[in-house]
């Protein structure tokens, strides 16, 4: 966080989300065009999407196992924190 923005630093993505505009973060698992997808979505107060980060795919178009494991672990860790 800096100057009211949540800053994403890294590769291959980077950017800024105005923290005050973000009301919710959702971990989304769904089928899109018959293919499983996973994404972290930053939502505004009306449920509109500010920013999405999708799990990557390998050469065979399968979700990258390490990224999928990290997604599941973070989702579980944050869910536990919310319940506490």
PDB file of N, CA and C in Angstrom:
ATOM      1  N   UNK A   1       0.840  -1.184   0.000  1.00  0.00           N
ATOM      2  CA  UNK A   1       0.000   0.000   0.000  1.00  0.00           C
ATOM      3  C   UNK A   1       0.886   1.248   0.000  1.00  0.00           C
ATOM      4  N   UNK A   2       0.519   2.186  -0.838  1.00  0.00           N
ATOM      5  CA  UNK A   2       1.216   3.474  -0.848  1.00  0.00           C
ATOM      6  C   UNK A   2       0.310   4.519  -1.484  1.00  0.00           C
ATOM      7  N   UNK A   3       0.160   5.629  -0.806  1.00  0.00           N
ATOM      8  CA  UNK A   3      -0.597   6.774  -1.302  1.00  0.00           C
ATOM      9  C   UNK A   3      -1.990   6.383  -1.784  1.00  0.00           C
ATOM     10  N   UNK A   4      -2.655   5.481  -1.051  1.00  0.00           N
ATOM     11  CA  UNK A   4      -4.023   5.096  -1.368  1.00  0.00           C
ATOM     12  C   UNK A   4      -4.169   4.028  -2.435  1.00  0.00           C
ATOM     13  N   UNK A   5      -3.052   3.474  -2.896  1.00  0.00           N
ATOM     14  CA  UNK A   5      -3.092   2.448  -3.930  1.00  0.00           C
ATOM     15  C   UNK A   5      -2.491   1.148  -3.425  1.00  0.00           C
ATOM     16  N   UNK A   6      -3.073   0.032  -3.863  1.00  0.00           N
ATOM     17  CA  UNK A   6      -2.481  -1.277  -3.666  1.00  0.00           C
ATOM     18  C   UNK A   6      -1.623  -1.510  -4.895  1.00  0.00           C
ATOM     19  N   UNK A   7      -0.336  -1.658  -4.692  1.00  0.00           N
ATOM     20  CA  UNK A   7       0.611  -1.768  -5.805  1.00  0.00           C
ATOM     21  C   UNK A   7       0.978  -3.221  -6.046  1.00  0.00           C
ATOM     22  N   UNK A   8       0.825  -3.660  -7.280  1.00  0.00           N
ATOM     23  CA  UNK A   8       1.212  -5.002  -7.691  1.00  0.00           C
ATOM     24  C   UNK A   8       2.562  -4.903  -8.378  1.00  0.00           C
ATOM     25  N   UNK A   9       3.550  -5.566  -7.790  1.00  0.00           N
ATOM     26  CA  UNK A   9       4.895  -5.569  -8.352  1.00  0.00           C
ATOM     27  C   UNK A   9       5.273  -6.998  -8.680  1.00  0.00           C
ATOM     28  N   UNK A  10       5.731  -7.232  -9.843  1.00  0.00           N
ATOM     29  CA  UNK A  10       6.165  -8.578 -10.189  1.00  0.00           C
ATOM     30  C   UNK A  10       6.166  -8.794 -11.680  1.00  0.00           C
ATOM     31  N   UNK A  11       6.392 -10.016 -12.011  1.00  0.00           N
ATOM     32  CA  UNK A  11       6.406 -10.410 -13.407  1.00  0.00           C
ATOM     33  C   UNK A  11       5.463 -11.585 -13.547  1.00  0.00           C
ATOM     34  N   UNK A  12       4.625 -11.652 -14.477  1.00  0.00           N
ATOM     35  CA  UNK A  12       4.522 -10.772 -15.639  1.00  0.00           C
ATOM     36  C   UNK A  12       3.543  -9.619 -15.472  1.00  0.00           C
ATOM     37  N   UNK A  13       2.969  -9.422 -14.272  1.00  0.00           N
ATOM     38  CA  UNK A  13       1.992  -8.337 -14.119  1.00  0.00           C
ATOM     39  C   UNK A  13       2.504  -7.265 -13.181  1.00  0.00           C
ATOM     40  N   UNK A  14       1.908  -6.124 -13.306  1.00  0.00           N
ATOM     41  CA  UNK A  14       2.180  -5.024 -12.413  1.00  0.00           C
ATOM     42  C   UNK A  14       1.087  -4.000 -12.599  1.00  0.00           C
ATOM     43  N   UNK A  15       0.840  -3.220 -11.594  1.00  0.00           N
ATOM     44  CA  UNK A  15      -0.185  -2.202 -11.720  1.00  0.00           C
ATOM     45  C   UNK A  15      -0.582  -1.661 -10.369  1.00  0.00           C
ATOM     46  N   UNK A  16      -1.625  -0.851 -10.375  1.00  0.00           N
ATOM     47  CA  UNK A  16      -2.091  -0.179  -9.170  1.00  0.00           C
ATOM     48  C   UNK A  16      -3.613  -0.275  -9.119  1.00  0.00           C
ATOM     49  N   UNK A  17      -4.135  -0.546  -7.932  1.00  0.00           N
ATOM     50  CA  UNK A  17      -5.572  -0.558  -7.704  1.00  0.00           C
ATOM     51  C   UNK A  17      -5.843   0.449  -6.601  1.00  0.00           C
ATOM     52  N   UNK A  18      -6.769   1.364  -6.860  1.00  0.00           N
ATOM     53  CA  UNK A  18      -7.118   2.342  -5.824  1.00  0.00           C
ATOM     54  C   UNK A  18      -7.783   1.584  -4.682  1.00  0.00           C
ATOM     55  N   UNK A  19      -7.119   1.540  -3.528  1.00  0.00           N
ATOM     56  CA  UNK A  19      -7.574   0.729  -2.404  1.00  0.00           C
ATOM     57  C   UNK A  19      -8.989   1.096  -1.960  1.00  0.00           C
ATOM     58  N   UNK A  20      -9.326   2.362  -1.966  1.00  0.00           N
ATOM     59  CA  UNK A  20     -10.660   2.793  -1.548  1.00  0.00           C
ATOM     60  C   UNK A  20     -11.762   2.326  -2.472  1.00  0.00           C
ATOM     61  N   UNK A  21     -11.428   2.013  -3.705  1.00  0.00           N
ATOM     62  CA  UNK A  21     -12.426   1.536  -4.668  1.00  0.00           C
ATOM     63  C   UNK A  21     -12.663   0.045  -4.543  1.00  0.00           C
ATOM     64  N   UNK A  22     -11.737  -0.670  -3.914  1.00  0.00           N
ATOM     65  CA  UNK A  22     -11.840  -2.124  -3.803  1.00  0.00           C
ATOM     66  C   UNK A  22     -12.615  -2.488  -2.545  1.00  0.00           C
ATOM     67  N   UNK A  23     -13.795  -3.102  -2.741  1.00  0.00           N
ATOM     68  CA  UNK A  23     -14.638  -3.486  -1.613  1.00  0.00           C
ATOM     69  C   UNK A  23     -14.493  -4.954  -1.254  1.00  0.00           C
ATOM     70  N   UNK A  24     -14.023  -5.755  -2.196  1.00  0.00           N
ATOM     71  CA  UNK A  24     -13.977  -7.201  -1.965  1.00  0.00           C
ATOM     72  C   UNK A  24     -12.953  -7.838  -2.895  1.00  0.00           C
ATOM     73  N   UNK A  25     -12.355  -8.939  -2.427  1.00  0.00           N
ATOM     74  CA  UNK A  25     -11.481  -9.758  -3.253  1.00  0.00           C
ATOM     75  C   UNK A  25     -12.112 -11.140  -3.316  1.00  0.00           C
ATOM     76  N   UNK A  26     -12.282 -11.670  -4.514  1.00  0.00           N
ATOM     77  CA  UNK A  26     -12.930 -12.971  -4.694  1.00  0.00           C
ATOM     78  C   UNK A  26     -11.974 -13.951  -5.361  1.00  0.00           C
ATOM     79  N   UNK A  27     -11.981 -15.175  -4.865  1.00  0.00           N
ATOM     80  CA  UNK A  27     -11.244 -16.269  -5.489  1.00  0.00           C
ATOM     81  C   UNK A  27     -12.267 -17.045  -6.306  1.00  0.00           C
ATOM     82  N   UNK A  28     -12.133 -17.010  -7.625  1.00  0.00           N
ATOM     83  CA  UNK A  28     -13.154 -17.556  -8.520  1.00  0.00           C
ATOM     84  C   UNK A  28     -12.637 -18.806  -9.215  1.00  0.00           C
ATOM     85  N   UNK A  29     -13.418 -19.878  -9.108  1.00  0.00           N
ATOM     86  CA  UNK A  29     -13.141 -21.127  -9.819  1.00  0.00           C
ATOM     87  C   UNK A  29     -14.379 -21.413 -10.660  1.00  0.00           C
ATOM     88  N   UNK A  30     -14.208 -21.445 -11.976  1.00  0.00           N
ATOM     89  CA  UNK A  30     -15.362 -21.700 -12.840  1.00  0.00           C
ATOM     90  C   UNK A  30     -14.908 -22.282 -14.168  1.00  0.00           C
ATOM     91  N   UNK A  31     -15.889 -22.757 -14.908  1.00  0.00           N
ATOM     92  CA  UNK A  31     -15.637 -23.272 -16.242  1.00  0.00           C
ATOM     93  C   UNK A  31     -15.909 -22.154 -17.240  1.00  0.00           C
ATOM     94  N   UNK A  32     -14.993 -21.959 -18.156  1.00  0.00           N
ATOM     95  CA  UNK A  32     -15.140 -20.934 -19.190  1.00  0.00           C
ATOM     96  C   UNK A  32     -14.850 -21.591 -20.526  1.00  0.00           C
ATOM     97  N   UNK A  33     -15.837 -21.631 -21.378  1.00  0.00           N
ATOM     98  CA  UNK A  33     -15.720 -22.290 -22.680  1.00  0.00           C
ATOM     99  C   UNK A  33     -15.289 -23.750 -22.534  1.00  0.00           C
ATOM    100  N   UNK A  34     -15.837 -24.413 -21.490  1.00  0.00           N
ATOM    101  CA  UNK A  34     -15.548 -25.821 -21.269  1.00  0.00           C
ATOM    102  C   UNK A  34     -14.203 -26.118 -20.631  1.00  0.00           C
ATOM    103  N   UNK A  35     -13.511 -25.089 -20.182  1.00  0.00           N
ATOM    104  CA  UNK A  35     -12.194 -25.256 -19.561  1.00  0.00           C
ATOM    105  C   UNK A  35     -12.224 -24.671 -18.153  1.00  0.00           C
ATOM    106  N   UNK A  36     -11.660 -25.396 -17.189  1.00  0.00           N
ATOM    107  CA  UNK A  36     -11.586 -24.876 -15.821  1.00  0.00           C
ATOM    108  C   UNK A  36     -10.666 -23.662 -15.765  1.00  0.00           C
ATOM    109  N   UNK A  37     -11.078 -22.659 -15.000  1.00  0.00           N
ATOM    110  CA  UNK A  37     -10.261 -21.464 -14.789  1.00  0.00           C
ATOM    111  C   UNK A  37     -10.214 -21.147 -13.303  1.00  0.00           C
ATOM    112  N   UNK A  38      -9.213 -20.413 -12.911  1.00  0.00           N
ATOM    113  CA  UNK A  38      -9.083 -19.883 -11.552  1.00  0.00           C
ATOM    114  C   UNK A  38      -8.591 -18.449 -11.678  1.00  0.00           C
ATOM    115  N   UNK A  39      -9.202 -17.560 -10.894  1.00  0.00           N
ATOM    116  CA  UNK A  39      -8.761 -16.172 -10.905  1.00  0.00           C
ATOM    117  C   UNK A  39      -8.993 -15.532  -9.552  1.00  0.00           C
ATOM    118  N   UNK A  40      -8.209 -14.507  -9.281  1.00  0.00           N
ATOM    119  CA  UNK A  40      -8.414 -13.634  -8.133  1.00  0.00           C
ATOM    120  C   UNK A  40      -8.965 -12.348  -8.726  1.00  0.00           C
ATOM    121  N   UNK A  41     -10.144 -11.923  -8.229  1.00  0.00           N
ATOM    122  CA  UNK A  41     -10.805 -10.752  -8.787  1.00  0.00           C
ATOM    123  C   UNK A  41     -11.004  -9.699  -7.710  1.00  0.00           C
ATOM    124  N   UNK A  42     -10.656  -8.477  -8.026  1.00  0.00           N
ATOM    125  CA  UNK A  42     -10.814  -7.341  -7.133  1.00  0.00           C
ATOM    126  C   UNK A  42     -12.090  -6.616  -7.566  1.00  0.00           C
ATOM    127  N   UNK A  43     -13.059  -6.466  -6.636  1.00  0.00           N
ATOM    128  CA  UNK A  43     -14.389  -5.950  -6.958  1.00  0.00           C
ATOM    129  C   UNK A  43     -14.660  -4.614  -6.277  1.00  0.00           C
ATOM    130  N   UNK A  44     -15.446  -3.769  -6.950  1.00  0.00           N
ATOM    131  CA  UNK A  44     -15.867  -2.510  -6.333  1.00  0.00           C
ATOM    132  C   UNK A  44     -17.139  -2.743  -5.510  1.00  0.00           C
ATOM    133  N   UNK A  45     -17.675  -1.707  -4.910  1.00  0.00           N
ATOM    134  CA  UNK A  45     -18.832  -1.826  -4.016  1.00  0.00           C
ATOM    135  C   UNK A  45     -20.083  -2.319  -4.731  1.00  0.00           C
ATOM    136  N   UNK A  46     -20.183  -2.138  -6.040  1.00  0.00           N
ATOM    137  CA  UNK A  46     -21.348  -2.604  -6.802  1.00  0.00           C
ATOM    138  C   UNK A  46     -21.142  -4.004  -7.374  1.00  0.00           C
ATOM    139  N   UNK A  47     -19.987  -4.608  -7.098  1.00  0.00           N
ATOM    140  CA  UNK A  47     -19.694  -5.939  -7.625  1.00  0.00           C
ATOM    141  C   UNK A  47     -19.015  -5.911  -8.979  1.00  0.00           C
ATOM    142  N   UNK A  48     -18.688  -4.716  -9.459  1.00  0.00           N
ATOM    143  CA  UNK A  48     -17.967  -4.605 -10.722  1.00  0.00           C
ATOM    144  C   UNK A  48     -16.509  -4.990 -10.543  1.00  0.00           C
ATOM    145  N   UNK A  49     -15.932  -5.557 -11.577  1.00  0.00           N
ATOM    146  CA  UNK A  49     -14.551  -6.025 -11.511  1.00  0.00           C
ATOM    147  C   UNK A  49     -13.586  -4.876 -11.800  1.00  0.00           C
ATOM    148  N   UNK A  50     -12.656  -4.658 -10.867  1.00  0.00           N
ATOM    149  CA  UNK A  50     -11.598  -3.670 -11.069  1.00  0.00           C
ATOM    150  C   UNK A  50     -10.401  -4.288 -11.782  1.00  0.00           C
ATOM    151  N   UNK A  51     -10.110  -5.558 -11.427  1.00  0.00           N
ATOM    152  CA  UNK A  51      -8.885  -6.191 -11.911  1.00  0.00           C
ATOM    153  C   UNK A  51      -9.021  -7.693 -11.711  1.00  0.00           C
ATOM    154  N   UNK A  52      -8.539  -8.477 -12.655  1.00  0.00           N
ATOM    155  CA  UNK A  52      -8.535  -9.934 -12.538  1.00  0.00           C
ATOM    156  C   UNK A  52      -7.129 -10.462 -12.765  1.00  0.00           C
ATOM    157  N   UNK A  53      -6.772 -11.483 -11.994  1.00  0.00           N
ATOM    158  CA  UNK A  53      -5.500 -12.178 -12.190  1.00  0.00           C
ATOM    159  C   UNK A  53      -5.831 -13.653 -12.376  1.00  0.00           C
ATOM    160  N   UNK A  54      -5.488 -14.199 -13.537  1.00  0.00           N
ATOM    161  CA  UNK A  54      -5.789 -15.599 -13.853  1.00  0.00           C
ATOM    162  C   UNK A  54      -4.570 -16.486 -13.614  1.00  0.00           C
ATOM    163  N   UNK A  55      -4.833 -17.727 -13.205  1.00  0.00           N
ATOM    164  CA  UNK A  55      -3.792 -18.742 -13.088  1.00  0.00           C
ATOM    165  C   UNK A  55      -3.284 -19.044 -14.494  1.00  0.00           C
ATOM    166  N   UNK A  56      -1.985 -19.209 -14.631  1.00  0.00           N
ATOM    167  CA  UNK A  56      -1.386 -19.482 -15.934  1.00  0.00           C
ATOM    168  C   UNK A  56      -1.631 -20.905 -16.421  1.00  0.00           C
ATOM    169  N   UNK A  57      -1.330 -21.119 -17.681  1.00  0.00           N
ATOM    170  CA  UNK A  57      -1.485 -22.432 -18.317  1.00  0.00           C
ATOM    171  C   UNK A  57      -0.156 -22.874 -18.915  1.00  0.00           C
ATOM    172  N   UNK A  58       0.016 -24.188 -19.000  1.00  0.00           N
ATOM    173  CA  UNK A  58       1.229 -24.737 -19.601  1.00  0.00           C
ATOM    174  C   UNK A  58       1.034 -24.916 -21.108  1.00  0.00           C
ATOM    175  N   UNK A  59       1.986 -25.528 -21.773  1.00  0.00           N
ATOM    176  CA  UNK A  59       1.928 -25.710 -23.226  1.00  0.00           C
ATOM    177  C   UNK A  59       0.741 -26.565 -23.660  1.00  0.00           C
ATOM    178  N   UNK A  60       0.257 -27.428 -22.780  1.00  0.00           N
ATOM    179  CA  UNK A  60      -0.895 -28.280 -23.084  1.00  0.00           C
ATOM    180  C   UNK A  60      -2.210 -27.595 -22.687  1.00  0.00           C
ATOM    181  N   UNK A  61      -2.152 -26.317 -22.300  1.00  0.00           N
ATOM    182  CA  UNK A  61      -3.308 -25.508 -21.893  1.00  0.00           C
ATOM    183  C   UNK A  61      -3.926 -25.950 -20.570  1.00  0.00           C
ATOM    184  N   UNK A  62      -3.171 -26.718 -19.778  1.00  0.00           N
ATOM    185  CA  UNK A  62      -3.616 -27.117 -18.441  1.00  0.00           C
ATOM    186  C   UNK A  62      -3.164 -26.056 -17.445  1.00  0.00           C
ATOM    187  N   UNK A  63      -3.950 -25.885 -16.373  1.00  0.00           N
ATOM    188  CA  UNK A  63      -3.543 -24.952 -15.322  1.00  0.00           C
ATOM    189  C   UNK A  63      -2.193 -25.381 -14.767  1.00  0.00           C
ATOM    190  N   UNK A  64      -1.305 -24.435 -14.534  1.00  0.00           N
ATOM    191  CA  UNK A  64       0.026 -24.737 -14.016  1.00  0.00           C
ATOM    192  C   UNK A  64      -0.116 -25.216 -12.566  1.00  0.00           C
ATOM    193  N   UNK A  65       0.311 -26.459 -12.283  1.00  0.00           N
ATOM    194  CA  UNK A  65       0.087 -27.042 -10.956  1.00  0.00           C
ATOM    195  C   UNK A  65       0.606 -26.199  -9.788  1.00  0.00           C
ATOM    196  N   UNK A  66       1.782 -25.618  -9.894  1.00  0.00           N
ATOM    197  CA  UNK A  66       2.331 -24.811  -8.795  1.00  0.00           C
ATOM    198  C   UNK A  66       1.463 -23.577  -8.543  1.00  0.00           C
ATOM    199  N   UNK A  67       0.973 -22.954  -9.596  1.00  0.00           N
ATOM    200  CA  UNK A  67       0.114 -21.783  -9.436  1.00  0.00           C
ATOM    201  C   UNK A  67      -1.239 -22.177  -8.855  1.00  0.00           C
ATOM    202  N   UNK A  68      -1.755 -23.312  -9.284  1.00  0.00           N
ATOM    203  CA  UNK A  68      -3.022 -23.804  -8.754  1.00  0.00           C
ATOM    204  C   UNK A  68      -2.887 -24.103  -7.260  1.00  0.00           C
ATOM    205  N   UNK A  69      -1.790 -24.722  -6.862  1.00  0.00           N
ATOM    206  CA  UNK A  69      -1.550 -25.013  -5.446  1.00  0.00           C
ATOM    207  C   UNK A  69      -1.433 -23.719  -4.640  1.00  0.00           C
ATOM    208  N   UNK A  70      -0.739 -22.729  -5.182  1.00  0.00           N
ATOM    209  CA  UNK A  70      -0.590 -21.446  -4.491  1.00  0.00           C
ATOM    210  C   UNK A  70      -1.940 -20.734  -4.366  1.00  0.00           C
ATOM    211  N   UNK A  71      -2.754 -20.779  -5.396  1.00  0.00           N
ATOM    212  CA  UNK A  71      -4.103 -20.197  -5.385  1.00  0.00           C
ATOM    213  C   UNK A  71      -4.927 -20.837  -4.271  1.00  0.00           C
ATOM    214  N   UNK A  72      -4.967 -22.183  -4.242  1.00  0.00           N
ATOM    215  CA  UNK A  72      -5.744 -22.911  -3.239  1.00  0.00           C
ATOM    216  C   UNK A  72      -5.241 -22.628  -1.824  1.00  0.00           C
ATOM    217  N   UNK A  73      -3.925 -22.574  -1.642  1.00  0.00           N
ATOM    218  CA  UNK A  73      -3.350 -22.315  -0.325  1.00  0.00           C
ATOM    219  C   UNK A  73      -3.688 -20.909   0.164  1.00  0.00           C
ATOM    220  N   UNK A  74      -3.581 -19.915  -0.706  1.00  0.00           N
ATOM    221  CA  UNK A  74      -3.892 -18.546  -0.315  1.00  0.00           C
ATOM    222  C   UNK A  74      -5.374 -18.398   0.001  1.00  0.00           C
ATOM    223  N   UNK A  75      -6.213 -18.986  -0.826  1.00  0.00           N
ATOM    224  CA  UNK A  75      -7.663 -18.939  -0.580  1.00  0.00           C
ATOM    225  C   UNK A  75      -7.988 -19.561   0.779  1.00  0.00           C
ATOM    226  N   UNK A  76      -7.407 -20.701   1.086  1.00  0.00           N
ATOM    227  CA  UNK A  76      -7.652 -21.374   2.367  1.00  0.00           C
ATOM    228  C   UNK A  76      -7.122 -20.550   3.540  1.00  0.00           C
ATOM    229  N   UNK A  77      -5.928 -19.982   3.377  1.00  0.00           N
ATOM    230  CA  UNK A  77      -5.334 -19.180   4.452  1.00  0.00           C
ATOM    231  C   UNK A  77      -6.178 -17.946   4.757  1.00  0.00           C
ATOM    232  N   UNK A  78      -6.649 -17.284   3.726  1.00  0.00           N
ATOM    233  CA  UNK A  78      -7.467 -16.078   3.936  1.00  0.00           C
ATOM    234  C   UNK A  78      -8.844 -16.441   4.491  1.00  0.00           C
ATOM    235  N   UNK A  79      -9.390 -17.572   4.093  1.00  0.00           N
ATOM    236  CA  UNK A  79     -10.687 -18.012   4.633  1.00  0.00           C
ATOM    237  C   UNK A  79     -10.560 -18.307   6.126  1.00  0.00           C
ATOM    238  N   UNK A  80      -9.458 -18.931   6.531  1.00  0.00           N
ATOM    239  CA  UNK A  80      -9.230 -19.205   7.958  1.00  0.00           C
ATOM    240  C   UNK A  80      -9.106 -17.901   8.744  1.00  0.00           C
ATOM    241  N   UNK A  81      -8.402 -16.944   8.174  1.00  0.00           N
ATOM    242  CA  UNK A  81      -8.205 -15.650   8.837  1.00  0.00           C
ATOM    243  C   UNK A  81      -9.552 -14.939   9.011  1.00  0.00           C
ATOM    244  N   UNK A  82     -10.424 -15.040   8.014  1.00  0.00           N
ATOM    245  CA  UNK A  82     -11.723 -14.385   8.070  1.00  0.00           C
ATOM    246  C   UNK A  82     -12.612 -15.045   9.130  1.00  0.00           C
ATOM    247  N   UNK A  83     -12.479 -16.351   9.336  1.00  0.00           N
ATOM    248  CA  UNK A  83     -13.295 -17.065  10.304  1.00  0.00           C
ATOM    249  C   UNK A  83     -12.832 -16.796  11.736  1.00  0.00           C
ATOM    250  N   UNK A  84     -11.584 -16.399  11.895  1.00  0.00           N
ATOM    251  CA  UNK A  84     -11.024 -16.200  13.250  1.00  0.00           C
ATOM    252  C   UNK A  84     -11.482 -14.900  13.879  1.00  0.00           C
TER     253      UNK A  84
END
